[in-house]
Amino acid sequence: MYLASSNKVKILAAGLKGLRAIQGVKEKTDDVFVVIGKDVHVKNDFSGEIELFCKKEEIQYSYDMSDGDNDFGLAIAAGWQRMIYDMPSSALIVFHDSLLPRYRGFNPLVTALLNKDRFIGVTALSAADKYDCGDIIYQLKIPVEYPILIEDAIRKVGDSYYVVAKTIYDLFIRNELKGTSQDEALATYSLWRDSDDYAINWSMDAEQIQLLVNSVGYPYLGASTSVNGELIRVKSATLVKDLIIENRTPGKIIYFDGNMPVVVCGKGLLRLDCLETNDGDLMVITKLRTRFK
């Protein structure tokens, strides 16, 4: 339970970003307790890696949010997706994957990549009744260049979690966890995503489709399309110089580059370098007369 006089840090951690936050705080103090989160919507939620790190470093941990006998003076939510109850907002710092007040809400990193933002970032903010509206305590801006895979972007953000976690701990120990109110006039929001948001619209430009493929790949499930009613995942794709096609039909294969199909998009062509079934098995398309929907 929360105890104002305690220096123990409780970290609600999920994913690579949660692991990196734990590593940052652990570099500063041994007085840490970790709650490990799981996420069935990604291929690797890093819960196993977090548990192994805690065992190696002799950090107390649990998969249960209940406090047990662990009093704490500061809680950090890093990569955490679940609701947090029975904790005073003054004791909780939330790490958010955007430069707030932009992209409040869900999947802000994916949204930033789909918008081809020149910078991504991390904000440490105080908890508030309305999500992602608390005072900003610290921010770190990260430059990005395109094309970039979501896996690499997450790694960059994870490294920033490591830095931000150390900074927040130092501010906590110095009793300087004071934030600045967000400018509501600059606030934007990012909606939650479901399976429909993974679907490729072949009428889009090839560059936009490649951006989707890169932005929702591993550790997410990957951009989806279908062939003869079977859902498949496009794991990687390369832009190909467009041709003049008199009867342009997005989604049709126009030719093969080696054994990789080149598909007509609304504008441009896209080579599908790696395809998988929805179960994760490698898929090879061999018929020219194939239409992706």
C-alpha atoms as a PDB file:
ATOM      1  CA  MET A   1       0.000   0.000   0.000  1.00  0.00           C
ATOM      2  CA  TYR A   2       1.027   3.624  -0.457  1.00  0.00           C
ATOM      3  CA  LEU A   3       3.161   5.025   2.335  1.00  0.00           C
ATOM      4  CA  ALA A   4       4.309   8.624   1.961  1.00  0.00           C
ATOM      5  CA  SER A   5       7.479   8.035   3.967  1.00  0.00           C
ATOM      6  CA  SER A   6       8.604   5.061   1.853  1.00  0.00           C
ATOM      7  CA  ASN A   7      11.352   5.269  -0.775  1.00  0.00           C
ATOM      8  CA  LYS A   8      10.316   1.993  -2.392  1.00  0.00           C
ATOM      9  CA  VAL A   9       9.332   2.220  -6.065  1.00  0.00           C
ATOM     10  CA  LYS A  10       6.506   0.035  -7.336  1.00  0.00           C
ATOM     11  CA  ILE A  11       6.737  -0.478 -11.105  1.00  0.00           C
ATOM     12  CA  LEU A  12       3.740  -1.685 -13.077  1.00  0.00           C
ATOM     13  CA  ALA A  13       5.622  -2.986 -16.091  1.00  0.00           C
ATOM     14  CA  ALA A  14       4.659  -4.527 -19.419  1.00  0.00           C
ATOM     15  CA  GLY A  15       6.558  -5.096 -22.644  1.00  0.00           C
ATOM     16  CA  LEU A  16      10.082  -4.100 -23.574  1.00  0.00           C
ATOM     17  CA  LYS A  17       9.379  -0.557 -22.390  1.00  0.00           C
ATOM     18  CA  GLY A  18       8.394  -1.819 -18.950  1.00  0.00           C
ATOM     19  CA  LEU A  19      11.573  -3.903 -18.779  1.00  0.00           C
ATOM     20  CA  ARG A  20      13.712  -0.901 -19.675  1.00  0.00           C
ATOM     21  CA  ALA A  21      11.986   1.214 -17.007  1.00  0.00           C
ATOM     22  CA  ILE A  22      12.767  -1.458 -14.392  1.00  0.00           C
ATOM     23  CA  GLN A  23      16.397  -1.529 -15.505  1.00  0.00           C
ATOM     24  CA  GLY A  24      16.620   2.255 -15.211  1.00  0.00           C
ATOM     25  CA  VAL A  25      15.218   2.392 -11.685  1.00  0.00           C
ATOM     26  CA  LYS A  26      17.266  -0.645 -10.604  1.00  0.00           C
ATOM     27  CA  GLU A  27      20.420   1.237 -11.612  1.00  0.00           C
ATOM     28  CA  LYS A  28      19.462   3.842  -9.016  1.00  0.00           C
ATOM     29  CA  THR A  29      18.093   1.732  -6.161  1.00  0.00           C
ATOM     30  CA  ASP A  30      17.507  -1.821  -4.922  1.00  0.00           C
ATOM     31  CA  ASP A  31      14.291  -0.719  -3.227  1.00  0.00           C
ATOM     32  CA  VAL A  32      11.995  -1.886  -6.040  1.00  0.00           C
ATOM     33  CA  PHE A  33       8.897  -4.040  -6.371  1.00  0.00           C
ATOM     34  CA  VAL A  34       7.568  -5.057  -9.799  1.00  0.00           C
ATOM     35  CA  VAL A  35       4.103  -6.018 -10.991  1.00  0.00           C
ATOM     36  CA  ILE A  36       4.375  -7.806 -14.341  1.00  0.00           C
ATOM     37  CA  GLY A  37       1.695  -7.271 -16.979  1.00  0.00           C
ATOM     38  CA  LYS A  38       0.758  -9.664 -19.784  1.00  0.00           C
ATOM     39  CA  ASP A  39      -0.662  -8.837 -23.221  1.00  0.00           C
ATOM     40  CA  VAL A  40      -2.217 -11.537 -25.410  1.00  0.00           C
ATOM     41  CA  HIS A  41      -2.480  -9.167 -28.371  1.00  0.00           C
ATOM     42  CA  VAL A  42       1.250  -9.161 -29.171  1.00  0.00           C
ATOM     43  CA  LYS A  43       3.574 -12.005 -30.164  1.00  0.00           C
ATOM     44  CA  ASN A  44       5.983 -11.295 -27.299  1.00  0.00           C
ATOM     45  CA  ASP A  45       4.765  -9.359 -24.275  1.00  0.00           C
ATOM     46  CA  PHE A  46       8.201  -9.595 -22.579  1.00  0.00           C
ATOM     47  CA  SER A  47       6.633 -10.895 -19.369  1.00  0.00           C
ATOM     48  CA  GLY A  48       9.105 -13.784 -19.396  1.00  0.00           C
ATOM     49  CA  GLU A  49      12.070 -11.459 -19.893  1.00  0.00           C
ATOM     50  CA  ILE A  50      10.865  -9.196 -17.084  1.00  0.00           C
ATOM     51  CA  GLU A  51      10.502 -12.158 -14.734  1.00  0.00           C
ATOM     52  CA  LEU A  52      13.985 -13.437 -15.605  1.00  0.00           C
ATOM     53  CA  PHE A  53      15.488  -9.993 -14.983  1.00  0.00           C
ATOM     54  CA  CYS A  54      13.743  -9.736 -11.615  1.00  0.00           C
ATOM     55  CA  LYS A  55      15.033 -13.151 -10.578  1.00  0.00           C
ATOM     56  CA  LYS A  56      18.566 -12.332 -11.725  1.00  0.00           C
ATOM     57  CA  GLU A  57      18.589  -9.016  -9.864  1.00  0.00           C
ATOM     58  CA  GLU A  58      16.701 -10.421  -6.837  1.00  0.00           C
ATOM     59  CA  ILE A  59      13.825  -7.976  -7.319  1.00  0.00           C
ATOM     60  CA  GLN A  60      10.523  -8.876  -5.696  1.00  0.00           C
ATOM     61  CA  TYR A  61       7.798  -9.301  -8.304  1.00  0.00           C
ATOM     62  CA  SER A  62       4.234 -10.456  -8.783  1.00  0.00           C
ATOM     63  CA  TYR A  63       1.666 -10.875 -11.534  1.00  0.00           C
ATOM     64  CA  ASP A  64      -0.979  -9.635  -9.087  1.00  0.00           C
ATOM     65  CA  MET A  65      -1.653  -5.904  -8.729  1.00  0.00           C
ATOM     66  CA  SER A  66      -2.466  -6.257  -5.014  1.00  0.00           C
ATOM     67  CA  ASP A  67       0.201  -4.644  -2.854  1.00  0.00           C
ATOM     68  CA  GLY A  68       0.625  -7.423  -0.338  1.00  0.00           C
ATOM     69  CA  ASP A  69       3.272  -6.477   2.203  1.00  0.00           C
ATOM     70  CA  ASN A  70       5.030  -4.078  -0.152  1.00  0.00           C
ATOM     71  CA  ASP A  71       4.660  -0.483   0.967  1.00  0.00           C
ATOM     72  CA  PHE A  72       5.758   2.039  -1.648  1.00  0.00           C
ATOM     73  CA  GLY A  73       6.244   5.780  -1.918  1.00  0.00           C
ATOM     74  CA  LEU A  74       6.187   6.027  -5.720  1.00  0.00           C
ATOM     75  CA  ALA A  75       4.479   3.982  -8.419  1.00  0.00           C
ATOM     76  CA  ILE A  76       5.465   4.035 -12.092  1.00  0.00           C
ATOM     77  CA  ALA A  77       3.250   2.632 -14.854  1.00  0.00           C
ATOM     78  CA  ALA A  78       5.492   1.731 -17.804  1.00  0.00           C
ATOM     79  CA  GLY A  79       3.957   0.040 -20.826  1.00  0.00           C
ATOM     80  CA  TRP A  80       0.963  -0.719 -18.613  1.00  0.00           C
ATOM     81  CA  GLN A  81      -2.412  -1.231 -20.361  1.00  0.00           C
ATOM     82  CA  ARG A  82      -4.738  -2.134 -17.487  1.00  0.00           C
ATOM     83  CA  MET A  83      -6.793   0.083 -15.212  1.00  0.00           C
ATOM     84  CA  ILE A  84      -5.137   1.022 -11.918  1.00  0.00           C
ATOM     85  CA  TYR A  85      -7.330   1.186  -8.837  1.00  0.00           C
ATOM     86  CA  ASP A  86      -6.882   1.978  -5.151  1.00  0.00           C
ATOM     87  CA  MET A  87      -3.829   4.148  -5.630  1.00  0.00           C
ATOM     88  CA  PRO A  88      -3.647   7.895  -4.932  1.00  0.00           C
ATOM     89  CA  SER A  89      -2.974   9.855  -8.124  1.00  0.00           C
ATOM     90  CA  SER A  90      -0.274  11.826  -6.322  1.00  0.00           C
ATOM     91  CA  ALA A  91       1.742   8.614  -5.934  1.00  0.00           C
ATOM     92  CA  LEU A  92       1.492   7.423  -9.550  1.00  0.00           C
ATOM     93  CA  ILE A  93       3.601   8.503 -12.531  1.00  0.00           C
ATOM     94  CA  VAL A  94       2.474   7.271 -15.956  1.00  0.00           C
ATOM     95  CA  PHE A  95       4.831   6.867 -18.921  1.00  0.00           C
ATOM     96  CA  HIS A  96       3.110   7.659 -22.220  1.00  0.00           C
ATOM     97  CA  ASP A  97       4.524   7.058 -25.710  1.00  0.00           C
ATOM     98  CA  SER A  98       3.987  10.527 -27.128  1.00  0.00           C
ATOM     99  CA  LEU A  99       4.934  14.140 -26.694  1.00  0.00           C
ATOM    100  CA  LEU A 100       1.806  15.173 -24.823  1.00  0.00           C
ATOM    101  CA  PRO A 101      -0.583  16.850 -25.204  1.00  0.00           C
ATOM    102  CA  ARG A 102      -0.414  15.285 -28.679  1.00  0.00           C
ATOM    103  CA  TYR A 103      -1.745  11.737 -29.056  1.00  0.00           C
ATOM    104  CA  ARG A 104      -3.555  11.206 -25.795  1.00  0.00           C
ATOM    105  CA  GLY A 105      -5.075   7.760 -25.666  1.00  0.00           C
ATOM    106  CA  PHE A 106      -4.212   4.473 -27.329  1.00  0.00           C
ATOM    107  CA  ASN A 107      -1.341   3.286 -29.547  1.00  0.00           C
ATOM    108  CA  PRO A 108       0.202   6.752 -29.832  1.00  0.00           C
ATOM    109  CA  LEU A 109       3.471   5.406 -31.225  1.00  0.00           C
ATOM    110  CA  VAL A 110       1.753   3.594 -34.113  1.00  0.00           C
ATOM    111  CA  THR A 111      -0.292   6.710 -34.873  1.00  0.00           C
ATOM    112  CA  ALA A 112       2.831   8.877 -34.886  1.00  0.00           C
ATOM    113  CA  LEU A 113       4.568   6.521 -37.325  1.00  0.00           C
ATOM    114  CA  LEU A 114       1.540   6.347 -39.613  1.00  0.00           C
ATOM    115  CA  ASN A 115       1.558  10.156 -39.634  1.00  0.00           C
ATOM    116  CA  LYS A 116       5.303  10.097 -40.429  1.00  0.00           C
ATOM    117  CA  ASP A 117       6.119  12.410 -37.527  1.00  0.00           C
ATOM    118  CA  ARG A 118       9.718  13.602 -37.494  1.00  0.00           C
ATOM    119  CA  PHE A 119       9.841  13.072 -33.728  1.00  0.00           C
ATOM    120  CA  ILE A 120       8.385  10.477 -31.388  1.00  0.00           C
ATOM    121  CA  GLY A 121       8.823  10.622 -27.642  1.00  0.00           C
ATOM    122  CA  VAL A 122       8.004   9.729 -24.066  1.00  0.00           C
ATOM    123  CA  THR A 123       6.142  11.779 -21.489  1.00  0.00           C
ATOM    124  CA  ALA A 124       6.178  11.120 -17.756  1.00  0.00           C
ATOM    125  CA  LEU A 125       3.024  12.614 -16.291  1.00  0.00           C
ATOM    126  CA  SER A 126       1.103  12.549 -13.060  1.00  0.00           C
ATOM    127  CA  ALA A 127      -2.016  10.401 -12.977  1.00  0.00           C
ATOM    128  CA  ALA A 128      -5.351  12.151 -13.483  1.00  0.00           C
ATOM    129  CA  ASP A 129      -9.047  11.296 -13.600  1.00  0.00           C
ATOM    130  CA  LYS A 130      -9.110  11.839 -17.386  1.00  0.00           C
ATOM    131  CA  TYR A 131      -6.598   9.692 -19.211  1.00  0.00           C
ATOM    132  CA  ASP A 132      -3.315  11.312 -20.224  1.00  0.00           C
ATOM    133  CA  CYS A 133      -4.421  14.733 -18.965  1.00  0.00           C
ATOM    134  CA  GLY A 134      -2.160  14.970 -15.913  1.00  0.00           C
ATOM    135  CA  ASP A 135       0.652  17.444 -15.386  1.00  0.00           C
ATOM    136  CA  ILE A 136       3.765  16.827 -17.476  1.00  0.00           C
ATOM    137  CA  ILE A 137       6.782  16.106 -15.286  1.00  0.00           C
ATOM    138  CA  TYR A 138       9.373  15.183 -17.903  1.00  0.00           C
ATOM    139  CA  GLN A 139       9.566  14.613 -21.666  1.00  0.00           C
ATOM    140  CA  LEU A 140      12.127  13.123 -24.005  1.00  0.00           C
ATOM    141  CA  LYS A 141      12.012  13.767 -27.764  1.00  0.00           C
ATOM    142  CA  ILE A 142      13.362  11.149 -30.219  1.00  0.00           C
ATOM    143  CA  PRO A 143      14.133  11.942 -33.889  1.00  0.00           C
ATOM    144  CA  VAL A 144      13.152   9.285 -36.442  1.00  0.00           C
ATOM    145  CA  GLU A 145      13.811   8.681 -40.121  1.00  0.00           C
ATOM    146  CA  TYR A 146      11.641   6.699 -42.519  1.00  0.00           C
ATOM    147  CA  PRO A 147      11.222   3.919 -43.372  1.00  0.00           C
ATOM    148  CA  ILE A 148      11.343   2.590 -39.812  1.00  0.00           C
ATOM    149  CA  LEU A 149       9.945  -0.644 -38.398  1.00  0.00           C
ATOM    150  CA  ILE A 150       7.714  -0.494 -35.327  1.00  0.00           C
ATOM    151  CA  GLU A 151      10.126  -2.928 -33.627  1.00  0.00           C
ATOM    152  CA  ASP A 152      12.953  -0.421 -34.022  1.00  0.00           C
ATOM    153  CA  ALA A 153      10.745   2.470 -32.905  1.00  0.00           C
ATOM    154  CA  ILE A 154       9.742   0.542 -29.781  1.00  0.00           C
ATOM    155  CA  ARG A 155      13.418  -0.103 -29.081  1.00  0.00           C
ATOM    156  CA  LYS A 156      14.135   3.630 -29.322  1.00  0.00           C
ATOM    157  CA  VAL A 157      11.215   4.409 -27.017  1.00  0.00           C
ATOM    158  CA  GLY A 158      12.310   1.638 -24.648  1.00  0.00           C
ATOM    159  CA  ASP A 159      15.775   3.157 -24.381  1.00  0.00           C
ATOM    160  CA  SER A 160      14.074   6.447 -23.551  1.00  0.00           C
ATOM    161  CA  TYR A 161      12.021   4.731 -20.818  1.00  0.00           C
ATOM    162  CA  TYR A 162      15.329   3.703 -19.258  1.00  0.00           C
ATOM    163  CA  VAL A 163      16.505   7.338 -19.201  1.00  0.00           C
ATOM    164  CA  VAL A 164      13.161   8.765 -18.091  1.00  0.00           C
ATOM    165  CA  ALA A 165      12.819   6.195 -15.273  1.00  0.00           C
ATOM    166  CA  LYS A 166      16.186   7.202 -13.824  1.00  0.00           C
ATOM    167  CA  THR A 167      15.262  10.881 -14.081  1.00  0.00           C
ATOM    168  CA  ILE A 168      11.905  10.362 -12.348  1.00  0.00           C
ATOM    169  CA  TYR A 169      13.570   8.452  -9.527  1.00  0.00           C
ATOM    170  CA  ASP A 170      16.075  11.267  -8.987  1.00  0.00           C
ATOM    171  CA  LEU A 171      13.241  13.825  -8.879  1.00  0.00           C
ATOM    172  CA  PHE A 172      11.327  11.601  -6.440  1.00  0.00           C
ATOM    173  CA  ILE A 173      14.243  11.298  -4.041  1.00  0.00           C
ATOM    174  CA  ARG A 174      14.808  15.064  -4.179  1.00  0.00           C
ATOM    175  CA  ASN A 175      11.081  15.664  -3.607  1.00  0.00           C
ATOM    176  CA  GLU A 176      10.905  17.566  -6.909  1.00  0.00           C
ATOM    177  CA  LEU A 177       8.157  15.667  -8.736  1.00  0.00           C
ATOM    178  CA  LYS A 178       6.385  18.810  -9.859  1.00  0.00           C
ATOM    179  CA  GLY A 179       4.663  19.039 -13.221  1.00  0.00           C
ATOM    180  CA  THR A 180       3.353  21.582 -15.697  1.00  0.00           C
ATOM    181  CA  SER A 181      -0.254  21.710 -16.858  1.00  0.00           C
ATOM    182  CA  GLN A 182      -0.918  20.624 -20.431  1.00  0.00           C
ATOM    183  CA  ASP A 183      -2.093  23.129 -23.015  1.00  0.00           C
ATOM    184  CA  GLU A 184      -5.597  21.904 -23.860  1.00  0.00           C
ATOM    185  CA  ALA A 185      -5.624  23.904 -27.093  1.00  0.00           C
ATOM    186  CA  LEU A 186      -2.833  21.626 -28.413  1.00  0.00           C
ATOM    187  CA  ALA A 187      -4.400  18.332 -27.330  1.00  0.00           C
ATOM    188  CA  THR A 188      -5.016  15.588 -29.894  1.00  0.00           C
ATOM    189  CA  TYR A 189      -6.191  11.996 -29.410  1.00  0.00           C
ATOM    190  CA  SER A 190      -5.303   8.566 -30.753  1.00  0.00           C
ATOM    191  CA  LEU A 191      -8.074   5.949 -30.863  1.00  0.00           C
ATOM    192  CA  TRP A 192      -7.792   2.283 -29.869  1.00  0.00           C
ATOM    193  CA  ARG A 193      -7.096  -0.186 -32.653  1.00  0.00           C
ATOM    194  CA  ASP A 194      -8.601  -3.573 -33.401  1.00  0.00           C
ATOM    195  CA  SER A 195      -8.211  -6.232 -36.098  1.00  0.00           C
ATOM    196  CA  ASP A 196      -9.952  -4.060 -38.702  1.00  0.00           C
ATOM    197  CA  ASP A 197      -7.187  -1.470 -38.384  1.00  0.00           C
ATOM    198  CA  TYR A 198      -4.607  -4.033 -39.519  1.00  0.00           C
ATOM    199  CA  ALA A 199      -6.400  -4.557 -42.846  1.00  0.00           C
ATOM    200  CA  ILE A 200      -4.693  -3.299 -46.002  1.00  0.00           C
ATOM    201  CA  ASN A 201      -6.712  -1.164 -48.401  1.00  0.00           C
ATOM    202  CA  TRP A 202      -5.023  -1.828 -51.724  1.00  0.00           C
ATOM    203  CA  SER A 203      -6.573   1.327 -53.210  1.00  0.00           C
ATOM    204  CA  MET A 204      -4.187   3.345 -51.066  1.00  0.00           C
ATOM    205  CA  ASP A 205      -0.790   4.479 -52.354  1.00  0.00           C
ATOM    206  CA  ALA A 206       1.970   1.874 -52.177  1.00  0.00           C
ATOM    207  CA  GLU A 207       3.936   4.157 -49.851  1.00  0.00           C
ATOM    208  CA  GLN A 208       1.006   4.364 -47.424  1.00  0.00           C
ATOM    209  CA  ILE A 209       0.572   0.587 -47.449  1.00  0.00           C
ATOM    210  CA  GLN A 210       4.271   0.028 -46.797  1.00  0.00           C
ATOM    211  CA  LEU A 211       4.000   2.498 -43.919  1.00  0.00           C
ATOM    212  CA  LEU A 212       1.146   0.427 -42.446  1.00  0.00           C
ATOM    213  CA  VAL A 213       3.135  -2.795 -42.844  1.00  0.00           C
ATOM    214  CA  ASN A 214       6.137  -1.255 -41.076  1.00  0.00           C
ATOM    215  CA  SER A 215       4.040   0.332 -38.321  1.00  0.00           C
ATOM    216  CA  VAL A 216       1.997  -2.702 -37.200  1.00  0.00           C
ATOM    217  CA  GLY A 217       4.595  -5.468 -37.617  1.00  0.00           C
ATOM    218  CA  TYR A 218       6.370  -7.404 -34.858  1.00  0.00           C
ATOM    219  CA  PRO A 219       5.693  -7.416 -31.935  1.00  0.00           C
ATOM    220  CA  TYR A 220       2.160  -6.721 -33.197  1.00  0.00           C
ATOM    221  CA  LEU A 221       0.331  -9.208 -35.416  1.00  0.00           C
ATOM    222  CA  GLY A 222       1.108  -7.519 -38.722  1.00  0.00           C
ATOM    223  CA  ALA A 223      -0.822  -5.891 -41.564  1.00  0.00           C
ATOM    224  CA  SER A 224      -3.507  -8.200 -42.921  1.00  0.00           C
ATOM    225  CA  THR A 225      -5.032  -9.042 -46.275  1.00  0.00           C
ATOM    226  CA  SER A 226      -6.836 -12.049 -47.688  1.00  0.00           C
ATOM    227  CA  VAL A 227      -6.447 -14.462 -50.595  1.00  0.00           C
ATOM    228  CA  ASN A 228      -9.384 -16.712 -51.510  1.00  0.00           C
ATOM    229  CA  GLY A 229     -10.965 -15.944 -48.167  1.00  0.00           C
ATOM    230  CA  GLU A 230      -7.870 -16.828 -46.099  1.00  0.00           C
ATOM    231  CA  LEU A 231      -6.441 -14.155 -43.817  1.00  0.00           C
ATOM    232  CA  ILE A 232      -2.704 -13.644 -44.270  1.00  0.00           C
ATOM    233  CA  ARG A 233      -0.157 -11.249 -42.800  1.00  0.00           C
ATOM    234  CA  VAL A 234       2.226  -9.086 -44.787  1.00  0.00           C
ATOM    235  CA  LYS A 235       5.372  -9.023 -42.655  1.00  0.00           C
ATOM    236  CA  SER A 236       7.580  -6.907 -44.948  1.00  0.00           C
ATOM    237  CA  ALA A 237       7.203  -5.090 -48.258  1.00  0.00           C
ATOM    238  CA  THR A 238       9.291  -3.002 -50.647  1.00  0.00           C
ATOM    239  CA  LEU A 239       8.278  -0.122 -52.903  1.00  0.00           C
ATOM    240  CA  VAL A 240       8.637  -0.845 -56.629  1.00  0.00           C
ATOM    241  CA  LYS A 241       8.659   1.673 -59.479  1.00  0.00           C
ATOM    242  CA  ASP A 242       5.193   2.108 -60.894  1.00  0.00           C
ATOM    243  CA  LEU A 243       4.122   1.125 -64.406  1.00  0.00           C
ATOM    244  CA  ILE A 244       1.449   2.520 -66.706  1.00  0.00           C
ATOM    245  CA  ILE A 245      -1.443   0.087 -66.226  1.00  0.00           C
ATOM    246  CA  GLU A 246      -4.400   0.801 -68.502  1.00  0.00           C
ATOM    247  CA  ASN A 247      -6.896  -1.224 -66.448  1.00  0.00           C
ATOM    248  CA  ARG A 248      -5.431  -0.570 -63.002  1.00  0.00           C
ATOM    249  CA  THR A 249      -6.978  -2.925 -60.423  1.00  0.00           C
ATOM    250  CA  PRO A 250      -5.588  -2.563 -56.887  1.00  0.00           C
ATOM    251  CA  GLY A 251      -4.808  -5.873 -55.202  1.00  0.00           C
ATOM    252  CA  LYS A 252      -3.878  -7.871 -58.311  1.00  0.00           C
ATOM    253  CA  ILE A 253      -0.421  -9.349 -58.817  1.00  0.00           C
ATOM    254  CA  ILE A 254       1.213  -7.867 -61.921  1.00  0.00           C
ATOM    255  CA  TYR A 255       4.395  -9.974 -61.925  1.00  0.00           C
ATOM    256  CA  PHE A 256       6.833 -11.857 -59.687  1.00  0.00           C
ATOM    257  CA  ASP A 257      10.224 -10.539 -58.625  1.00  0.00           C
ATOM    258  CA  GLY A 258      11.987 -13.820 -57.955  1.00  0.00           C
ATOM    259  CA  ASN A 259       9.370 -15.674 -55.934  1.00  0.00           C
ATOM    260  CA  MET A 260       7.917 -12.501 -54.421  1.00  0.00           C
ATOM    261  CA  PRO A 261       4.634 -11.125 -55.799  1.00  0.00           C
ATOM    262  CA  VAL A 262       4.466  -7.488 -56.923  1.00  0.00           C
ATOM    263  CA  VAL A 263       1.010  -6.090 -56.276  1.00  0.00           C
ATOM    264  CA  VAL A 264      -0.816  -3.189 -57.901  1.00  0.00           C
ATOM    265  CA  CYS A 265      -1.806  -0.430 -55.468  1.00  0.00           C
ATOM    266  CA  GLY A 266      -3.980   2.636 -55.985  1.00  0.00           C
ATOM    267  CA  LYS A 267      -0.752   4.387 -56.878  1.00  0.00           C
ATOM    268  CA  GLY A 268       2.560   2.576 -57.175  1.00  0.00           C
ATOM    269  CA  LEU A 269       3.543  -1.074 -56.847  1.00  0.00           C
ATOM    270  CA  LEU A 270       4.475  -3.026 -53.738  1.00  0.00           C
ATOM    271  CA  ARG A 271       6.606  -6.162 -53.567  1.00  0.00           C
ATOM    272  CA  LEU A 272       5.504  -8.489 -50.785  1.00  0.00           C
ATOM    273  CA  ASP A 273       8.772  -9.788 -49.386  1.00  0.00           C
ATOM    274  CA  CYS A 274       7.405 -11.961 -46.597  1.00  0.00           C
ATOM    275  CA  LEU A 275       3.925 -13.413 -46.107  1.00  0.00           C
ATOM    276  CA  GLU A 276       2.627 -15.537 -43.244  1.00  0.00           C
ATOM    277  CA  THR A 277      -0.609 -17.314 -42.449  1.00  0.00           C
ATOM    278  CA  ASN A 278      -2.534 -15.999 -39.472  1.00  0.00           C
ATOM    279  CA  ASP A 279      -0.978 -18.891 -37.503  1.00  0.00           C
ATOM    280  CA  GLY A 280       2.529 -17.646 -38.264  1.00  0.00           C
ATOM    281  CA  ASP A 281       3.509 -20.141 -40.961  1.00  0.00           C
ATOM    282  CA  LEU A 282       5.440 -18.899 -43.982  1.00  0.00           C
ATOM    283  CA  MET A 283       3.260 -18.518 -47.090  1.00  0.00           C
ATOM    284  CA  VAL A 284       4.425 -18.543 -50.711  1.00  0.00           C
ATOM    285  CA  ILE A 285       2.167 -17.304 -53.489  1.00  0.00           C
ATOM    286  CA  THR A 286       2.828 -19.047 -56.825  1.00  0.00           C
ATOM    287  CA  LYS A 287      -0.142 -18.121 -59.021  1.00  0.00           C
ATOM    288  CA  LEU A 288      -0.006 -14.910 -61.026  1.00  0.00           C
ATOM    289  CA  ARG A 289      -3.794 -14.752 -61.154  1.00  0.00           C
ATOM    290  CA  THR A 290      -4.035 -13.929 -57.451  1.00  0.00           C
ATOM    291  CA  ARG A 291      -6.030 -11.037 -56.052  1.00  0.00           C
ATOM    292  CA  PHE A 292      -5.401  -9.645 -52.575  1.00  0.00           C
ATOM    293  CA  LYS A 293      -8.475  -8.211 -50.860  1.00  0.00           C
END
